[in-house]
Amino acid sequence: DGVQIFIGEESGYSTLKDCSVVTAPYQINSEVVGVLGVIGPTRLAYDRVIPIVDLTARLLGSALAKR
């Protein structure tokens, strides 16, 4: 599954036509239980945002699994 990137109208929402959305699922025991996302301008610093979203989703899943 991993990180997904939607630029402009690729998101399917006309209100986000001037935005980019970077998402990553988070899991508990290998089951996807949610999605973490960042919305920003289409000129987003993708090289910085993608690894942050990926790592944050992994950390969130790990923290939730320990509860």
N, C-alpha and C. Protein backbone atom coordinates (compact mmCIF):
# COMPACT_ATOMS: atom_id res chain seq x y z
N ASP A 1 0.83 -1.19 0.00
CA ASP A 1 0.00 0.00 0.00
C ASP A 1 0.88 1.25 0.00
N GLY A 2 1.56 1.58 1.06
CA GLY A 2 2.53 2.66 1.09
C GLY A 2 1.99 4.05 0.85
N VAL A 3 2.91 4.95 0.60
CA VAL A 3 2.58 6.36 0.40
C VAL A 3 1.92 6.56 -0.96
N GLN A 4 0.87 7.37 -0.98
CA GLN A 4 0.20 7.73 -2.23
C GLN A 4 0.21 9.24 -2.35
N ILE A 5 0.32 9.72 -3.59
CA ILE A 5 0.37 11.15 -3.86
C ILE A 5 -0.71 11.48 -4.88
N PHE A 6 -1.51 12.49 -4.56
CA PHE A 6 -2.55 12.95 -5.47
C PHE A 6 -2.30 14.43 -5.73
N ILE A 7 -2.14 14.79 -6.98
CA ILE A 7 -1.85 16.18 -7.34
C ILE A 7 -3.05 16.76 -8.07
N GLY A 8 -3.52 17.89 -7.56
CA GLY A 8 -4.65 18.56 -8.19
C GLY A 8 -5.91 17.72 -8.18
N GLU A 9 -6.55 17.62 -9.32
CA GLU A 9 -7.83 16.92 -9.42
C GLU A 9 -7.71 15.41 -9.30
N GLU A 10 -6.49 14.87 -9.23
CA GLU A 10 -6.31 13.43 -9.04
C GLU A 10 -6.95 12.94 -7.75
N SER A 11 -7.13 13.84 -6.79
CA SER A 11 -7.72 13.46 -5.51
C SER A 11 -9.19 13.09 -5.65
N GLY A 12 -9.81 13.58 -6.71
CA GLY A 12 -11.24 13.32 -6.90
C GLY A 12 -12.12 14.38 -6.26
N TYR A 13 -11.51 15.39 -5.64
CA TYR A 13 -12.26 16.46 -5.00
C TYR A 13 -11.95 17.78 -5.70
N SER A 14 -12.95 18.39 -6.31
CA SER A 14 -12.72 19.62 -7.05
C SER A 14 -12.21 20.75 -6.16
N THR A 15 -12.55 20.73 -4.89
CA THR A 15 -12.07 21.77 -3.97
C THR A 15 -10.56 21.68 -3.74
N LEU A 16 -9.96 20.55 -4.06
CA LEU A 16 -8.51 20.37 -3.87
C LEU A 16 -7.75 20.48 -5.19
N LYS A 17 -8.35 21.11 -6.19
CA LYS A 17 -7.72 21.16 -7.51
C LYS A 17 -6.39 21.90 -7.53
N ASP A 18 -6.18 22.80 -6.59
CA ASP A 18 -4.92 23.54 -6.50
C ASP A 18 -4.01 23.01 -5.40
N CYS A 19 -4.31 21.81 -4.92
CA CYS A 19 -3.56 21.23 -3.80
C CYS A 19 -2.99 19.87 -4.16
N SER A 20 -2.08 19.43 -3.32
CA SER A 20 -1.57 18.06 -3.39
C SER A 20 -1.90 17.38 -2.07
N VAL A 21 -2.12 16.08 -2.14
CA VAL A 21 -2.41 15.29 -0.96
C VAL A 21 -1.42 14.13 -0.92
N VAL A 22 -0.73 13.99 0.20
CA VAL A 22 0.20 12.89 0.40
C VAL A 22 -0.35 12.05 1.55
N THR A 23 -0.60 10.77 1.31
CA THR A 23 -1.20 9.91 2.33
C THR A 23 -0.38 8.65 2.53
N ALA A 24 -0.53 8.08 3.72
CA ALA A 24 0.08 6.78 4.03
C ALA A 24 -0.82 6.08 5.03
N PRO A 25 -1.10 4.81 4.81
CA PRO A 25 -1.92 4.06 5.76
C PRO A 25 -1.11 3.71 7.00
N TYR A 26 -1.81 3.56 8.12
CA TYR A 26 -1.14 3.02 9.31
C TYR A 26 -1.86 1.76 9.71
N GLN A 27 -1.10 0.83 10.28
CA GLN A 27 -1.59 -0.52 10.53
C GLN A 27 -1.40 -0.94 11.97
N ILE A 28 -2.28 -1.84 12.39
CA ILE A 28 -2.13 -2.55 13.65
C ILE A 28 -2.22 -4.03 13.31
N ASN A 29 -1.18 -4.78 13.66
CA ASN A 29 -1.12 -6.21 13.35
C ASN A 29 -1.40 -6.49 11.87
N SER A 30 -0.74 -5.76 11.01
CA SER A 30 -0.82 -5.91 9.55
C SER A 30 -2.19 -5.58 8.98
N GLU A 31 -3.06 -4.94 9.74
CA GLU A 31 -4.37 -4.53 9.25
C GLU A 31 -4.42 -3.01 9.20
N VAL A 32 -4.77 -2.48 8.04
CA VAL A 32 -4.89 -1.02 7.90
C VAL A 32 -6.07 -0.54 8.72
N VAL A 33 -5.80 0.39 9.63
CA VAL A 33 -6.85 0.91 10.50
C VAL A 33 -7.10 2.41 10.28
N GLY A 34 -6.29 3.04 9.44
CA GLY A 34 -6.48 4.45 9.16
C GLY A 34 -5.48 4.95 8.15
N VAL A 35 -5.63 6.22 7.80
CA VAL A 35 -4.73 6.86 6.84
C VAL A 35 -4.33 8.22 7.37
N LEU A 36 -3.04 8.49 7.32
CA LEU A 36 -2.50 9.78 7.71
C LEU A 36 -2.25 10.57 6.44
N GLY A 37 -2.57 11.85 6.43
CA GLY A 37 -2.36 12.63 5.22
C GLY A 37 -1.94 14.05 5.48
N VAL A 38 -1.32 14.63 4.47
CA VAL A 38 -0.92 16.03 4.47
C VAL A 38 -1.49 16.66 3.21
N ILE A 39 -2.11 17.83 3.38
CA ILE A 39 -2.61 18.60 2.24
C ILE A 39 -1.75 19.84 2.13
N GLY A 40 -1.29 20.13 0.92
CA GLY A 40 -0.47 21.31 0.72
C GLY A 40 -0.60 21.82 -0.71
N PRO A 41 0.19 22.82 -1.05
CA PRO A 41 0.14 23.36 -2.41
C PRO A 41 0.71 22.35 -3.41
N THR A 42 0.38 22.52 -4.68
CA THR A 42 0.90 21.59 -5.68
C THR A 42 2.42 21.68 -5.78
N ARG A 43 2.99 22.79 -5.38
CA ARG A 43 4.46 22.94 -5.38
C ARG A 43 5.03 22.53 -4.02
N LEU A 44 4.49 21.47 -3.48
CA LEU A 44 4.92 20.93 -2.19
C LEU A 44 6.36 20.41 -2.28
N ALA A 45 7.08 20.47 -1.18
CA ALA A 45 8.44 19.91 -1.12
C ALA A 45 8.32 18.39 -0.95
N TYR A 46 7.96 17.71 -2.04
CA TYR A 46 7.68 16.28 -1.99
C TYR A 46 8.84 15.47 -1.41
N ASP A 47 10.06 15.85 -1.74
CA ASP A 47 11.22 15.10 -1.26
C ASP A 47 11.34 15.15 0.25
N ARG A 48 10.76 16.15 0.88
CA ARG A 48 10.78 16.24 2.34
C ARG A 48 9.51 15.65 2.97
N VAL A 49 8.37 15.89 2.34
CA VAL A 49 7.08 15.51 2.92
C VAL A 49 6.84 14.00 2.85
N ILE A 50 7.19 13.37 1.75
CA ILE A 50 6.91 11.94 1.58
C ILE A 50 7.54 11.09 2.68
N PRO A 51 8.84 11.23 2.97
CA PRO A 51 9.40 10.40 4.04
C PRO A 51 8.84 10.74 5.42
N ILE A 52 8.46 11.99 5.64
CA ILE A 52 7.87 12.38 6.94
C ILE A 52 6.51 11.72 7.12
N VAL A 53 5.69 11.74 6.08
CA VAL A 53 4.36 11.11 6.16
C VAL A 53 4.52 9.61 6.34
N ASP A 54 5.43 9.00 5.61
CA ASP A 54 5.66 7.56 5.71
C ASP A 54 6.10 7.17 7.12
N LEU A 55 7.10 7.85 7.64
CA LEU A 55 7.61 7.53 8.98
C LEU A 55 6.56 7.79 10.06
N THR A 56 5.85 8.90 9.95
CA THR A 56 4.83 9.23 10.95
C THR A 56 3.73 8.18 10.97
N ALA A 57 3.31 7.70 9.80
CA ALA A 57 2.28 6.65 9.74
C ALA A 57 2.79 5.36 10.39
N ARG A 58 4.04 5.03 10.15
CA ARG A 58 4.62 3.81 10.76
C ARG A 58 4.70 3.95 12.28
N LEU A 59 5.14 5.12 12.74
CA LEU A 59 5.24 5.36 14.19
C LEU A 59 3.86 5.34 14.84
N LEU A 60 2.87 5.92 14.17
CA LEU A 60 1.51 5.94 14.70
C LEU A 60 0.98 4.51 14.83
N GLY A 61 1.16 3.71 13.80
CA GLY A 61 0.72 2.31 13.86
C GLY A 61 1.41 1.55 14.97
N SER A 62 2.70 1.78 15.12
CA SER A 62 3.47 1.11 16.17
C SER A 62 2.98 1.52 17.56
N ALA A 63 2.75 2.81 17.75
CA ALA A 63 2.27 3.31 19.04
C ALA A 63 0.88 2.76 19.37
N LEU A 64 0.01 2.71 18.38
CA LEU A 64 -1.34 2.19 18.61
C LEU A 64 -1.32 0.69 18.90
N ALA A 65 -0.40 -0.02 18.30
CA ALA A 65 -0.31 -1.47 18.52
C ALA A 65 0.12 -1.80 19.94
N LYS A 66 0.83 -0.88 20.58
CA LYS A 66 1.33 -1.11 21.94
C LYS A 66 0.28 -0.80 23.01
N ARG A 67 -0.85 -0.25 22.62
CA ARG A 67 -1.89 0.11 23.60
C ARG A 67 -2.60 -1.11 24.11
